[in-house]
Structure formats: structure tokens, C-alpha cells
Protein backbone atom coordinates (compact mmCIF):
# COMPACT_ATOMS: atom_id res chain seq x y z
CA MET A 1 -8.20 11.51 28.52
CA ALA A 2 -11.42 11.89 30.21
CA HIS A 3 -14.35 9.61 28.72
CA LEU A 4 -17.45 11.60 27.48
CA THR A 5 -20.74 11.82 28.74
CA LYS A 6 -23.90 11.02 27.24
CA ALA A 7 -24.70 14.46 26.68
CA GLU A 8 -21.62 15.34 25.02
CA LEU A 9 -21.81 12.17 23.05
CA GLU A 10 -25.16 13.01 21.79
CA ALA A 11 -23.84 16.54 21.08
CA GLY A 12 -21.42 15.22 18.68
CA LEU A 13 -24.19 13.29 16.81
CA ALA A 14 -24.74 15.85 14.19
CA ALA A 15 -21.64 15.93 12.73
CA ILE A 16 -21.60 12.17 12.28
CA LEU A 17 -24.90 12.46 10.69
CA GLN A 18 -23.37 14.91 8.09
CA SER A 19 -21.11 12.02 6.90
CA PRO A 20 -21.11 11.67 2.91
CA LYS A 21 -23.56 9.10 1.81
CA ASN A 22 -21.84 8.12 -1.90
CA GLU A 23 -18.34 9.16 -1.95
CA GLY A 24 -16.31 9.15 1.13
CA ARG A 25 -12.63 9.18 2.23
CA VAL A 26 -10.09 6.73 4.06
CA GLU A 27 -9.20 8.70 6.88
CA MET A 28 -7.25 5.98 8.59
CA ILE A 29 -5.74 2.54 7.83
CA VAL A 30 -4.87 0.09 10.85
CA ARG A 31 -3.16 -3.11 10.76
CA ARG A 32 -3.17 -5.55 13.80
CA PRO A 33 -0.18 -7.80 13.44
CA GLY A 34 -0.63 -9.14 16.92
CA SER A 35 -2.65 -9.04 20.15
CA GLY A 36 -2.61 -5.15 21.14
CA VAL A 37 -0.19 -4.30 18.54
CA ARG A 38 -1.45 -1.51 16.23
CA ASP A 39 0.36 -0.19 13.14
CA VAL A 40 -0.91 3.07 11.18
CA LEU A 41 -0.45 2.40 7.75
CA GLU A 42 -0.58 4.93 4.54
CA THR A 43 -0.78 1.98 2.13
CA ALA A 44 -1.98 -1.27 2.50
CA GLU A 45 -2.86 -4.33 0.34
CA LEU A 46 -6.18 -6.03 0.66
CA SER A 47 -6.42 -9.84 -0.27
CA LEU A 48 -9.22 -12.46 -0.98
CA ASP A 49 -7.44 -14.74 1.24
CA GLU A 50 -6.00 -12.67 3.95
CA GLY A 51 -8.11 -9.65 4.24
CA LEU A 52 -5.66 -6.88 5.21
CA MET A 53 -2.13 -8.28 4.28
CA GLY A 54 -0.29 -8.58 7.64
CA ASP A 55 -3.34 -8.23 9.97
CA SER A 56 -3.75 -10.80 12.43
CA TRP A 57 -7.47 -11.35 11.41
CA LYS A 58 -6.96 -14.87 9.92
CA THR A 59 -5.44 -16.21 13.03
CA ARG A 60 -7.90 -15.09 15.35
CA MET A 61 -10.33 -17.40 17.06
CA TYR A 62 -13.11 -16.20 15.06
CA SER A 63 -11.82 -15.48 11.89
CA ASP A 64 -15.02 -15.84 9.71
CA PRO A 65 -14.61 -14.55 6.37
CA ASP A 66 -17.47 -12.18 6.86
CA THR A 67 -15.50 -10.25 9.41
CA GLN A 68 -12.11 -9.80 7.55
CA ILE A 69 -12.20 -5.60 7.68
CA ASN A 70 -13.73 -3.90 10.36
CA ILE A 71 -14.71 -0.74 9.27
CA MET A 72 -15.61 2.42 11.39
CA ASN A 73 -17.04 5.92 10.79
CA SER A 74 -13.73 8.60 11.23
CA ARG A 75 -16.57 11.01 12.91
CA ALA A 76 -17.79 8.80 15.26
CA ILE A 77 -13.92 7.50 16.26
CA ALA A 78 -12.97 11.17 16.37
CA LEU A 79 -15.90 11.89 19.09
CA VAL A 80 -15.47 9.05 21.30
CA ALA A 81 -11.68 8.99 21.15
CA GLY A 82 -10.57 12.39 20.92
CA GLU A 83 -7.20 12.60 19.85
CA ARG A 84 -6.27 10.91 16.43
CA ASP A 85 -3.70 8.93 17.80
CA ARG A 86 -6.25 6.93 19.87
CA TRP A 87 -8.35 5.92 17.08
CA PRO A 88 -6.23 2.72 16.49
CA LEU A 89 -7.43 1.52 20.02
CA ALA A 90 -10.80 0.77 18.40
CA GLY A 91 -9.34 -2.17 16.90
CA ASP A 92 -10.66 -1.39 13.29
CA GLN A 93 -8.83 -1.44 10.29
CA LEU A 94 -10.54 1.26 8.36
CA PHE A 95 -11.67 4.35 9.51
CA LEU A 96 -13.72 6.10 6.55
CA ASP A 97 -15.47 9.46 6.54
CA MET A 98 -18.94 7.83 5.24
CA ASP A 99 -22.41 7.05 6.49
CA LEU A 100 -22.00 3.67 7.49
CA SER A 101 -25.98 3.61 8.29
CA THR A 102 -28.08 0.59 7.54
CA ALA A 103 -30.21 2.77 5.29
CA ASN A 104 -27.07 3.74 3.21
CA LEU A 105 -25.02 0.58 3.48
CA PRO A 106 -27.24 -2.51 3.98
CA PRO A 107 -25.70 -5.68 4.08
CA GLY A 108 -24.28 -6.80 0.50
CA SER A 109 -23.48 -3.44 -0.55
CA GLN A 110 -20.30 -2.78 -2.22
CA LEU A 111 -17.64 -0.08 -1.62
CA ALA A 112 -14.61 0.76 -4.26
CA VAL A 113 -11.70 1.79 -2.09
CA GLY A 114 -8.44 2.55 -4.03
CA SER A 115 -8.32 -0.42 -6.46
CA ALA A 116 -9.98 -2.92 -4.17
CA VAL A 117 -13.85 -3.79 -3.61
CA ILE A 118 -15.24 -4.79 -0.34
CA GLU A 119 -18.64 -5.92 0.52
CA ILE A 120 -20.64 -5.23 3.52
CA THR A 121 -21.72 -8.02 5.75
CA ALA A 122 -24.48 -8.63 7.73
CA ILE A 123 -22.45 -9.93 10.89
CA PRO A 124 -22.87 -7.17 13.78
CA HIS A 125 -19.99 -5.39 14.94
CA ASP A 126 -21.06 -4.18 18.70
CA GLY A 127 -19.07 -2.10 21.41
CA CYS A 128 -17.49 -4.61 23.95
CA SER A 129 -15.90 -4.43 27.29
CA LYS A 130 -12.35 -3.43 25.67
CA PHE A 131 -14.21 -0.60 23.89
CA ALA A 132 -15.63 0.30 26.97
CA SER A 133 -12.44 0.15 28.96
CA ARG A 134 -10.74 2.43 26.22
CA PHE A 135 -13.64 4.78 25.51
CA GLY A 136 -16.03 4.69 28.41
CA VAL A 137 -19.07 2.82 29.20
CA GLU A 138 -21.22 6.02 28.04
CA ALA A 139 -19.50 5.64 24.61
CA THR A 140 -20.25 1.82 24.55
CA ARG A 141 -24.04 2.68 25.32
CA PHE A 142 -23.96 5.53 23.00
CA VAL A 143 -22.70 3.07 20.04
CA ASN A 144 -24.83 0.17 21.03
CA SER A 145 -27.99 2.20 21.55
CA PRO A 146 -30.92 1.58 18.90
CA LEU A 147 -29.87 4.68 16.86
CA GLY A 148 -26.31 3.74 17.17
CA LYS A 149 -26.68 0.27 15.65
CA ASP A 150 -28.69 1.57 13.02
CA MET A 151 -26.15 4.06 12.07
CA HIS A 152 -23.30 1.57 12.91
CA LEU A 153 -21.58 3.79 15.06
CA ARG A 154 -19.17 1.22 16.37
CA GLY A 155 -18.77 0.21 12.82
CA LEU A 156 -19.37 -2.66 10.57
CA ASN A 157 -17.78 -5.70 8.92
CA ALA A 158 -16.91 -6.67 5.43
CA ARG A 159 -15.03 -8.97 3.44
CA VAL A 160 -12.90 -8.41 0.31
CA VAL A 161 -14.53 -9.33 -2.75
CA LYS A 162 -11.66 -7.75 -5.23
CA PRO A 163 -8.10 -7.51 -3.95
CA GLY A 164 -5.90 -4.18 -4.77
CA THR A 165 -4.28 -1.31 -3.21
CA ILE A 166 -5.65 1.29 -0.70
CA ARG A 167 -4.21 4.33 0.66
CA THR A 168 -4.93 6.94 3.18
CA GLY A 169 -6.97 9.63 1.60
CA ASP A 170 -8.33 7.47 -1.08
CA ILE A 171 -11.95 8.26 -1.96
CA VAL A 172 -14.58 5.76 -1.26
CA ARG A 173 -17.43 5.25 -3.53
CA LYS A 174 -20.60 3.42 -3.16
CA LEU A 175 -21.12 1.18 -6.07
């Protein structure tokens, strides 16, 4: 797939800005059991100790509890990745149709997802060289721009504060 240009990415911003603020939806759940491996799940368990059960988060070099769960806006990934089967390449576990901006979800905000609750943390989630190789340099610049960072277009980090079951299609509510 060809990578999008700056103009194409900017043209897609209007759709991202329409993301719901208080109630969104789980569009995709991805487990990363090993390096470069992605499993798209319909149902998953979130644990206080493990994050997304079966994910390799805890065995990674930088397994900070405040980075248990990586979340990306589904409209943002749809724009940069194109086809849905390319979404897991971003490396995030949850793709939500929800406004992830700092104004809407500052650190400490909590989201009810299925029977679980997650809390947004302050650790930034930025586009890296892997993101650039998969989605293009312009996409990385787009998500890492001042507006992109404020809107958390590359995503944000969270930790599990109440374990539970989540499913694709679940409503996500801001608490």
C-alpha cells in the first residue's frame, strides 16, 4: 500500500475530529504474544498484573505498569493504515472510536470498557521508526505534530484499574 501524503492526512483530520467524546466503541482488540506477532481477538481479559492476558507487555524491556495498554483512535489508524487488516501493524492493543485528545482524556481519566476499567496515564505514546516504516514518514510527522500529540493521534497509554472482560463492539464510557 502506498503511504499517504501530508495533504491526504490533513484532509482526513475532519473525520477524526468527529470522534465521540463520552461514549465510544471498541473497534478492534489485538494481542501481541511475541515480537512481530499479532492476534486479532473478539474477546479478551484485562488483568491488574498482566494487562491484556496473553500479551507480551510484561516481558518487554520497558514494561512500566503505566504502559500496560496501548490505545489508538480507530479513525486515526483507519486513515494512516488504510485497510482494516493493517491496523494491528501499529502495535496497539485497543482501537477505540473515541476522542483521545488531552482535553477529553487527560491523565487520570478512567474508561469503562466491558466489565473492566482502565486509567489513562501520562507516559507519551509517540510514533517511532517502526510506525514510519509501516505507515510512512508523513504519517509519523502527522501523529507527532503538535496537533497530533494534543489529539493523541498515535495513541495513548493506560493501566488496568479494574480487571474484566472486553469485547469488540463494547461501548467505552468515560467515567
